[in-house]
Amino acid sequence: MLAMLPALLRDIDLPLRLRLWDGQQLDLGAEPQVTLIIKDPTLLAELSRAGLGTLGSAYVEGRIDLEGPIQQVIQLGDRLSEVLLASEELPPVQYGQHDKASDAEAIRYHYDLSNDFYALWLDSRMIYSCAYFPHGDEDLEAAQNAKLHHLCRKLRLKPGERLLDVGCGWGGLARFAAREYGVEVYGITLSHEQLHLAMQRVADEGLRDRVELRLQDYHDLPQDGCFDKVVSVGMFEHVGHANLPLYCRQLHGALRAGGLVMNHGITSSHLDGRQVGHGAGDFIERYVFPQGELPHLTRIVADLSAAGLEVVDVESLRLHYGRTLELWSNNLEARLEQAAQLVSERVLRIWRLYLAGCAYGFRRGWVNLHQILASKPHADGSHELPWSRADLYP
């Protein structure tokens, strides 16, 4: 059966072992660190053009098994794909159609998975977004706490202000801002599971008089300028390129003159938003984030500006998100038996690859993450920001 393997594989020098369904095996290099077990004979014909999307799909669907540390699996998978796809041209970029119904369905596919599953590998507040590492050696709990302070300081939150949290998740930021900065928070999400747990935690912490959370689409945000500040964390990736102008106008309409918007989200490394990573983007689109689209930094800045919001500060947290995802992946890998009791084997395979793969992708620069602060100027062009950033770093 080894004779059926594509000839190209025999010329690759990687610490990878191939094992066939009949027990035969081939080492592609000395001292293999990862074993790829081929269970489906029909996969052999696909291996000569196997990118990360193909390999990831084969693992999820049970056509292959993998042995070895998950981070090493991702690294070797990428090195293998780099050789096999060296001459492949990138396909034209195609953007999806987004509406309320399809966006809600996509959000619930991802976020309504299992609150208990997410709790296994997130921090105690269940903050499902990039943490902030002021020194680089913080643990996950400390880094997420630092991120929440970083967001609130950038927004210059003051007691009594009204904060709109677009895509509030499990309410970690909403509760933190209300408790630590004395603001009133109105948060929205499209996930039933997230909302249920978030409201429970708001009640448990005695914050119902300061935090209101609802199941609501960003299309339906009030447009009367009733909020002093707006924060959107890890949400605009779900909006779609076609709806970015509308999304920015909705944020502008919800904000009072002089107020601030913080948009924290993943951005593409390509100007046209095309996917990178030897098929990794295809895997994420199919199995993890259906309808997810990543705009380049210049695109979201242009749409914010066109909506009347003046961009005043931009910070890249790419390496911070790589570290965050690495810690999430480590947490999940340490609790695989518990996770297997909460989700199906197929789902667990998806998330093992997703977390480890994204950690690798952010470290490699395949994608980025930017915090973009924008102001809604007063009619005379003035705004309410201090003259320097000194207040951000007490």
Protein backbone atom coordinates (compact mmCIF):
# COMPACT_ATOMS: atom_id res chain seq x y z
CA MET A 1 0.00 0.00 0.00
CA LEU A 2 2.90 2.38 0.58
CA ALA A 3 3.49 2.32 -3.16
CA MET A 4 0.17 4.16 -3.54
CA LEU A 5 1.51 7.23 -1.71
CA PRO A 6 2.19 10.23 -4.00
CA ALA A 7 5.83 10.32 -5.06
CA LEU A 8 6.14 13.93 -3.85
CA LEU A 9 5.70 12.79 -0.25
CA ARG A 10 8.76 10.55 -0.47
CA ASP A 11 11.00 13.55 -1.15
CA ILE A 12 9.84 15.59 1.87
CA ASP A 13 12.10 15.74 4.93
CA LEU A 14 9.87 16.32 7.95
CA PRO A 15 9.72 14.73 11.42
CA LEU A 16 6.42 13.14 10.42
CA ARG A 17 5.33 9.51 10.28
CA LEU A 18 2.60 8.27 7.94
CA ARG A 19 0.77 5.16 9.07
CA LEU A 20 -1.73 3.39 6.83
CA TRP A 21 -4.92 1.60 7.84
CA ASP A 22 -3.15 -1.76 7.45
CA GLY A 23 -0.32 -0.85 9.83
CA GLN A 24 2.34 -0.06 7.21
CA GLN A 25 4.19 3.17 7.91
CA LEU A 26 6.67 5.58 6.36
CA ASP A 27 8.85 8.09 8.18
CA LEU A 28 9.31 11.29 6.19
CA GLY A 29 12.24 12.33 8.36
CA ALA A 30 14.36 11.31 11.31
CA GLU A 31 12.82 11.07 14.79
CA PRO A 32 9.14 11.67 13.89
CA GLN A 33 7.32 13.92 16.36
CA VAL A 34 3.83 13.51 14.86
CA THR A 35 2.08 10.50 13.36
CA LEU A 36 -0.60 10.95 10.70
CA ILE A 37 -2.76 7.83 10.57
CA ILE A 38 -4.60 7.42 7.26
CA LYS A 39 -7.85 5.52 7.87
CA ASP A 40 -9.53 6.15 4.51
CA PRO A 41 -7.70 4.67 1.46
CA THR A 42 -9.40 7.15 -0.88
CA LEU A 43 -7.52 9.99 0.84
CA LEU A 44 -4.24 8.88 -0.71
CA ALA A 45 -5.12 10.42 -4.06
CA GLU A 46 -5.73 13.81 -2.34
CA LEU A 47 -2.48 13.99 -0.39
CA SER A 48 -0.37 15.38 -3.23
CA ARG A 49 -2.42 18.64 -3.09
CA ALA A 50 -3.33 18.59 0.59
CA GLY A 51 -3.50 22.00 2.24
CA LEU A 52 -4.42 22.68 5.85
CA GLY A 53 -8.08 22.83 4.85
CA THR A 54 -7.97 19.35 3.32
CA LEU A 55 -6.01 17.84 6.21
CA GLY A 56 -8.20 19.55 8.80
CA SER A 57 -11.39 18.38 7.12
CA ALA A 58 -10.05 14.81 6.91
CA TYR A 59 -9.33 14.86 10.66
CA VAL A 60 -12.74 16.26 11.57
CA GLU A 61 -14.53 13.73 9.38
CA GLY A 62 -12.53 10.82 10.85
CA ARG A 63 -10.60 9.98 7.67
CA ILE A 64 -7.32 10.46 9.52
CA ASP A 65 -6.15 10.43 13.12
CA LEU A 66 -3.28 12.39 14.60
CA GLU A 67 -0.81 11.53 17.32
CA GLY A 68 1.47 14.10 18.91
CA PRO A 69 1.28 17.52 20.62
CA ILE A 70 -1.40 19.60 18.89
CA GLN A 71 0.87 22.62 18.34
CA GLN A 72 3.44 20.35 16.69
CA VAL A 73 0.65 18.86 14.57
CA ILE A 74 -0.28 22.31 13.27
CA GLN A 75 3.32 23.33 12.58
CA LEU A 76 4.13 20.16 10.65
CA GLY A 77 0.80 20.32 8.82
CA ASP A 78 1.68 23.81 7.63
CA ARG A 79 5.17 22.82 6.56
CA LEU A 80 3.73 19.88 4.64
CA SER A 81 1.09 22.08 2.99
CA GLU A 82 3.71 24.68 2.10
CA VAL A 83 5.58 22.10 0.04
CA LEU A 84 2.51 20.52 -1.54
CA LEU A 85 0.85 23.82 -2.44
CA ALA A 86 3.97 25.78 -3.39
CA SER A 87 2.73 26.60 -6.90
CA GLU A 88 -0.98 26.94 -6.18
CA GLU A 89 -2.63 30.24 -7.09
CA LEU A 90 -5.00 31.92 -4.66
CA PRO A 91 -8.63 31.88 -5.85
CA PRO A 92 -10.55 35.13 -6.39
CA VAL A 93 -12.07 36.64 -3.26
CA GLN A 94 -15.79 36.01 -2.85
CA TYR A 95 -17.85 37.73 -0.18
CA GLY A 96 -21.01 36.22 1.27
CA GLN A 97 -24.52 37.61 1.59
CA HIS A 98 -25.44 38.66 5.11
CA ASP A 99 -28.87 39.34 6.57
CA LYS A 100 -30.41 39.15 10.03
CA ALA A 101 -31.54 35.55 9.73
CA SER A 102 -28.30 34.14 8.34
CA ASP A 103 -26.15 36.16 10.77
CA ALA A 104 -28.19 34.91 13.73
CA GLU A 105 -27.91 31.32 12.52
CA ALA A 106 -24.13 31.62 12.10
CA ILE A 107 -23.71 33.16 15.57
CA ARG A 108 -25.76 30.45 17.25
CA TYR A 109 -23.85 27.73 15.41
CA HIS A 110 -20.64 28.96 17.01
CA TYR A 111 -21.65 30.42 20.37
CA ASP A 112 -24.58 28.22 21.41
CA LEU A 113 -22.33 25.17 21.47
CA SER A 114 -22.09 24.67 25.25
CA ASN A 115 -21.42 27.19 28.00
CA ASP A 116 -19.75 24.47 30.05
CA PHE A 117 -17.43 23.61 27.15
CA TYR A 118 -16.27 27.21 26.79
CA ALA A 119 -15.82 27.45 30.57
CA LEU A 120 -13.27 24.61 30.42
CA TRP A 121 -10.65 26.70 28.64
CA LEU A 122 -11.60 30.37 29.06
CA ASP A 123 -10.79 32.47 32.12
CA SER A 124 -13.21 32.72 35.06
CA ARG A 125 -15.08 35.68 33.49
CA MET A 126 -15.38 33.76 30.18
CA ILE A 127 -13.82 36.53 28.11
CA TYR A 128 -13.74 35.09 24.59
CA SER A 129 -11.48 37.65 22.91
CA CYS A 130 -7.83 38.64 22.77
CA ALA A 131 -6.22 39.23 26.16
CA TYR A 132 -3.62 41.93 26.84
CA PHE A 133 -0.15 41.09 28.16
CA PRO A 134 1.58 44.25 29.43
CA HIS A 135 4.80 42.33 30.16
CA GLY A 136 4.23 39.12 28.19
CA ASP A 137 4.44 36.70 31.10
CA GLU A 138 0.97 37.14 32.61
CA ASP A 139 -1.33 34.15 33.06
CA LEU A 140 -4.68 34.13 31.28
CA GLU A 141 -6.64 35.51 34.24
CA ALA A 142 -4.29 38.47 34.72
CA ALA A 143 -4.06 39.17 30.98
CA GLN A 144 -7.85 39.26 30.53
CA ASN A 145 -8.16 41.55 33.54
CA ALA A 146 -5.53 43.82 31.97
CA LYS A 147 -7.45 43.77 28.66
CA LEU A 148 -10.68 44.89 30.31
CA HIS A 149 -8.89 47.78 32.02
CA HIS A 150 -7.16 48.65 28.74
CA LEU A 151 -10.49 48.88 26.91
CA CYS A 152 -12.16 50.91 29.65
CA ARG A 153 -9.23 53.32 29.92
CA LYS A 154 -9.15 53.86 26.17
CA LEU A 155 -12.87 54.67 26.29
CA ARG A 156 -12.18 57.05 29.21
CA LEU A 157 -15.22 55.64 31.02
CA LYS A 158 -16.62 57.82 33.80
CA PRO A 159 -19.19 57.01 36.51
CA GLY A 160 -22.74 57.55 35.33
CA GLU A 161 -21.99 57.25 31.60
CA ARG A 162 -24.02 54.95 29.34
CA LEU A 163 -21.98 52.29 27.56
CA LEU A 164 -23.26 50.24 24.62
CA ASP A 165 -21.63 46.79 24.35
CA VAL A 166 -22.21 45.39 20.84
CA GLY A 167 -21.74 41.62 20.92
CA CYS A 168 -21.56 41.36 24.71
CA GLY A 169 -20.84 37.62 24.86
CA TRP A 170 -21.14 36.22 28.37
CA GLY A 171 -21.21 39.75 29.78
CA GLY A 172 -17.71 39.83 31.24
CA LEU A 173 -16.84 43.30 29.94
CA ALA A 174 -20.31 44.67 30.76
CA ARG A 175 -20.11 43.54 34.38
CA PHE A 176 -16.52 44.70 34.74
CA ALA A 177 -17.24 48.18 33.34
CA ALA A 178 -20.30 48.60 35.56
CA ARG A 179 -18.53 47.44 38.72
CA GLU A 180 -15.05 48.95 38.23
CA TYR A 181 -15.90 52.14 36.30
CA GLY A 182 -19.41 52.93 37.53
CA VAL A 183 -21.11 53.04 34.10
CA GLU A 184 -24.54 51.85 33.01
CA VAL A 185 -24.25 49.17 30.33
CA TYR A 186 -26.63 48.07 27.59
CA GLY A 187 -25.35 44.93 25.90
CA ILE A 188 -26.62 42.96 22.91
CA THR A 189 -25.95 39.46 21.58
CA LEU A 190 -27.51 37.01 19.13
CA SER A 191 -26.62 33.95 21.21
CA HIS A 192 -29.35 32.51 23.44
CA GLU A 193 -26.86 30.48 25.46
CA GLN A 194 -24.58 33.43 26.06
CA LEU A 195 -27.45 35.68 27.07
CA HIS A 196 -28.86 33.16 29.54
CA LEU A 197 -25.58 32.75 31.40
CA ALA A 198 -24.68 36.45 31.14
CA MET A 199 -27.97 37.51 32.73
CA GLN A 200 -27.52 34.92 35.47
CA ARG A 201 -24.07 36.30 36.29
CA VAL A 202 -25.35 39.88 36.25
CA ALA A 203 -27.97 38.88 38.82
CA ASP A 204 -25.47 36.89 40.92
CA GLU A 205 -23.19 39.93 41.12
CA GLY A 206 -26.02 42.30 42.04
CA LEU A 207 -25.65 44.42 38.91
CA ARG A 208 -29.16 44.32 37.46
CA ASP A 209 -29.63 48.02 38.19
CA ARG A 210 -26.58 48.89 36.05
CA VAL A 211 -26.39 46.18 33.36
CA GLU A 212 -29.14 45.41 30.84
CA LEU A 213 -28.51 42.65 28.28
CA ARG A 214 -30.75 41.73 25.36
CA LEU A 215 -31.04 39.42 22.38
CA GLN A 216 -30.77 42.03 19.63
CA ASP A 217 -29.24 42.57 16.19
CA TYR A 218 -26.95 45.55 15.55
CA HIS A 219 -29.32 46.56 12.72
CA ASP A 220 -31.88 47.47 15.41
CA LEU A 221 -29.72 49.67 17.62
CA PRO A 222 -31.30 52.99 18.67
CA GLN A 223 -30.16 55.86 16.49
CA ASP A 224 -30.85 58.73 18.88
CA GLY A 225 -27.32 59.21 20.17
CA CYS A 226 -28.27 57.99 23.63
CA PHE A 227 -24.92 56.38 24.51
CA ASP A 228 -21.79 58.14 25.76
CA LYS A 229 -19.47 55.34 24.67
CA VAL A 230 -19.70 52.26 22.42
CA VAL A 231 -17.56 49.14 22.55
CA SER A 232 -17.58 46.26 20.07
CA VAL A 233 -15.26 43.34 20.82
CA GLY A 234 -14.87 40.39 18.46
CA MET A 235 -18.11 41.16 16.67
CA PHE A 236 -17.45 42.98 13.39
CA GLU A 237 -15.84 39.85 11.92
CA HIS A 238 -19.40 38.50 11.58
CA VAL A 239 -20.81 41.55 9.80
CA GLY A 240 -19.50 40.86 6.29
CA HIS A 241 -17.77 43.26 3.90
CA ALA A 242 -21.02 44.34 2.27
CA ASN A 243 -22.54 45.43 5.59
CA LEU A 244 -19.52 47.19 7.10
CA PRO A 245 -20.74 50.68 6.04
CA LEU A 246 -24.12 50.01 7.68
CA TYR A 247 -22.46 48.62 10.81
CA CYS A 248 -20.37 51.78 11.18
CA ARG A 249 -23.37 54.04 10.60
CA GLN A 250 -25.29 52.17 13.30
CA LEU A 251 -22.48 52.74 15.79
CA HIS A 252 -22.36 56.43 14.82
CA GLY A 253 -26.11 56.82 15.21
CA ALA A 254 -26.14 55.25 18.67
CA LEU A 255 -23.39 57.55 19.95
CA ARG A 256 -23.74 61.10 21.24
CA ALA A 257 -21.59 63.91 19.84
CA GLY A 258 -18.25 63.88 21.62
CA GLY A 259 -18.55 60.18 22.44
CA LEU A 260 -16.07 57.41 21.69
CA VAL A 261 -16.25 54.06 19.87
CA MET A 262 -13.83 51.20 20.47
CA ASN A 263 -13.83 48.52 17.76
CA HIS A 264 -11.70 45.51 18.76
CA GLY A 265 -11.52 42.76 16.15
CA ILE A 266 -9.56 40.47 13.86
CA THR A 267 -8.33 41.98 10.60
CA SER A 268 -7.01 40.49 7.39
CA SER A 269 -3.37 40.76 6.35
CA HIS A 270 -4.47 41.29 2.72
CA LEU A 271 -6.03 44.50 1.42
CA ASP A 272 -8.84 42.59 -0.30
CA GLY A 273 -9.58 40.44 2.76
CA ARG A 274 -8.53 37.18 1.10
CA GLN A 275 -7.78 34.20 3.29
CA VAL A 276 -4.25 33.02 3.99
CA GLY A 277 -2.69 30.02 5.63
CA HIS A 278 -2.63 27.22 3.03
CA GLY A 279 -6.33 26.49 3.32
CA ALA A 280 -6.70 27.25 7.04
CA GLY A 281 -9.22 30.00 6.26
CA ASP A 282 -11.35 27.54 4.29
CA PHE A 283 -11.38 25.22 7.30
CA ILE A 284 -12.52 28.00 9.64
CA GLU A 285 -15.23 29.13 7.22
CA ARG A 286 -16.59 25.60 6.89
CA TYR A 287 -16.37 24.33 10.45
CA VAL A 288 -15.94 27.20 12.90
CA PHE A 289 -17.17 30.61 11.74
CA PRO A 290 -19.62 30.25 8.85
CA GLN A 291 -20.02 33.60 7.10
CA GLY A 292 -17.07 35.11 8.91
CA GLU A 293 -15.23 37.76 6.84
CA LEU A 294 -12.11 39.66 7.86
CA PRO A 295 -11.61 43.16 6.44
CA HIS A 296 -8.21 44.77 6.21
CA LEU A 297 -7.47 47.56 8.70
CA THR A 298 -7.71 50.14 5.94
CA ARG A 299 -11.22 49.00 5.03
CA ILE A 300 -12.72 49.33 8.52
CA VAL A 301 -10.94 52.65 9.06
CA ALA A 302 -12.38 53.94 5.78
CA ASP A 303 -15.91 52.83 6.69
CA LEU A 304 -15.70 54.33 10.18
CA SER A 305 -14.51 57.59 8.65
CA ALA A 306 -17.24 57.59 6.01
CA ALA A 307 -19.82 57.16 8.78
CA GLY A 308 -18.59 60.33 10.49
CA LEU A 309 -16.35 58.75 13.12
CA GLU A 310 -12.82 60.16 13.42
CA VAL A 311 -10.21 57.45 14.03
CA VAL A 312 -7.93 58.72 16.78
CA ASP A 313 -5.93 55.67 17.86
CA VAL A 314 -5.02 52.23 16.43
CA GLU A 315 -3.14 49.45 18.23
CA SER A 316 -2.19 46.03 16.90
CA LEU A 317 -2.49 43.15 19.37
CA ARG A 318 -1.54 40.37 16.94
CA LEU A 319 1.06 38.74 19.18
CA HIS A 320 -1.23 39.19 22.19
CA TYR A 321 -3.92 37.14 20.45
CA GLY A 322 -1.41 34.47 19.47
CA ARG A 323 -0.50 34.12 23.15
CA THR A 324 -4.16 34.15 24.21
CA LEU A 325 -5.05 31.37 21.79
CA GLU A 326 -2.03 29.35 22.90
CA LEU A 327 -3.24 29.51 26.51
CA TRP A 328 -6.78 28.58 25.48
CA SER A 329 -5.44 25.65 23.46
CA ASN A 330 -3.30 24.49 26.37
CA ASN A 331 -6.31 24.63 28.69
CA LEU A 332 -8.42 22.55 26.31
CA GLU A 333 -5.66 19.99 25.73
CA ALA A 334 -5.35 19.54 29.49
CA ARG A 335 -9.09 18.85 29.79
CA LEU A 336 -9.84 16.68 26.77
CA GLU A 337 -11.59 13.99 28.80
CA GLN A 338 -13.93 16.54 30.38
CA ALA A 339 -14.54 18.20 27.01
CA ALA A 340 -15.48 14.85 25.48
CA GLN A 341 -18.34 14.64 27.98
CA LEU A 342 -19.73 18.00 26.83
CA VAL A 343 -19.43 17.94 23.03
CA SER A 344 -19.26 15.32 20.30
CA GLU A 345 -15.96 13.87 19.12
CA ARG A 346 -16.37 15.74 15.83
CA VAL A 347 -16.84 19.09 17.57
CA LEU A 348 -13.88 18.46 19.86
CA ARG A 349 -11.68 17.70 16.85
CA ILE A 350 -12.76 20.98 15.25
CA TRP A 351 -11.89 23.01 18.32
CA ARG A 352 -8.56 21.34 18.95
CA LEU A 353 -7.45 22.28 15.44
CA TYR A 354 -9.08 25.70 15.55
CA LEU A 355 -7.49 26.98 18.76
CA ALA A 356 -4.03 25.59 18.07
CA GLY A 357 -4.19 26.58 14.40
CA CYS A 358 -5.23 30.15 15.14
CA ALA A 359 -2.48 30.52 17.74
CA TYR A 360 -0.01 29.47 15.03
CA GLY A 361 -1.62 31.74 12.43
CA PHE A 362 -1.44 34.86 14.60
CA ARG A 363 2.18 34.19 15.48
CA ARG A 364 2.99 33.79 11.77
CA GLY A 365 1.18 37.00 10.80
CA TRP A 366 -1.52 35.36 8.68
CA VAL A 367 -4.07 37.59 10.41
CA ASN A 368 -3.95 40.55 12.78
CA LEU A 369 -6.05 42.09 15.51
CA HIS A 370 -6.60 45.81 15.95
CA GLN A 371 -8.14 47.99 18.58
CA ILE A 372 -9.48 51.07 16.79
CA LEU A 373 -10.61 54.05 18.85
CA ALA A 374 -12.80 56.62 17.10
CA SER A 375 -14.51 59.82 18.20
CA LYS A 376 -17.78 61.36 17.07
CA PRO A 377 -16.73 65.02 16.85
CA HIS A 378 -18.89 67.87 18.07
CA ALA A 379 -20.40 70.18 15.47
CA ASP A 380 -17.44 72.56 15.82
CA GLY A 381 -14.94 69.75 15.21
CA SER A 382 -13.80 69.43 18.81
CA HIS A 383 -13.69 66.21 20.81
CA GLU A 384 -13.27 65.23 24.45
CA LEU A 385 -10.03 63.26 24.43
CA PRO A 386 -6.96 64.26 26.49
CA TRP A 387 -3.96 65.64 24.64
CA SER A 388 -1.82 62.54 25.23
CA ARG A 389 -2.10 58.82 25.94
CA ALA A 390 -0.47 59.17 29.35
CA ASP A 391 -3.71 58.32 31.14
CA LEU A 392 -3.79 54.87 29.50
CA TYR A 393 -0.68 53.70 31.34
CA PRO A 394 -1.01 54.61 35.01
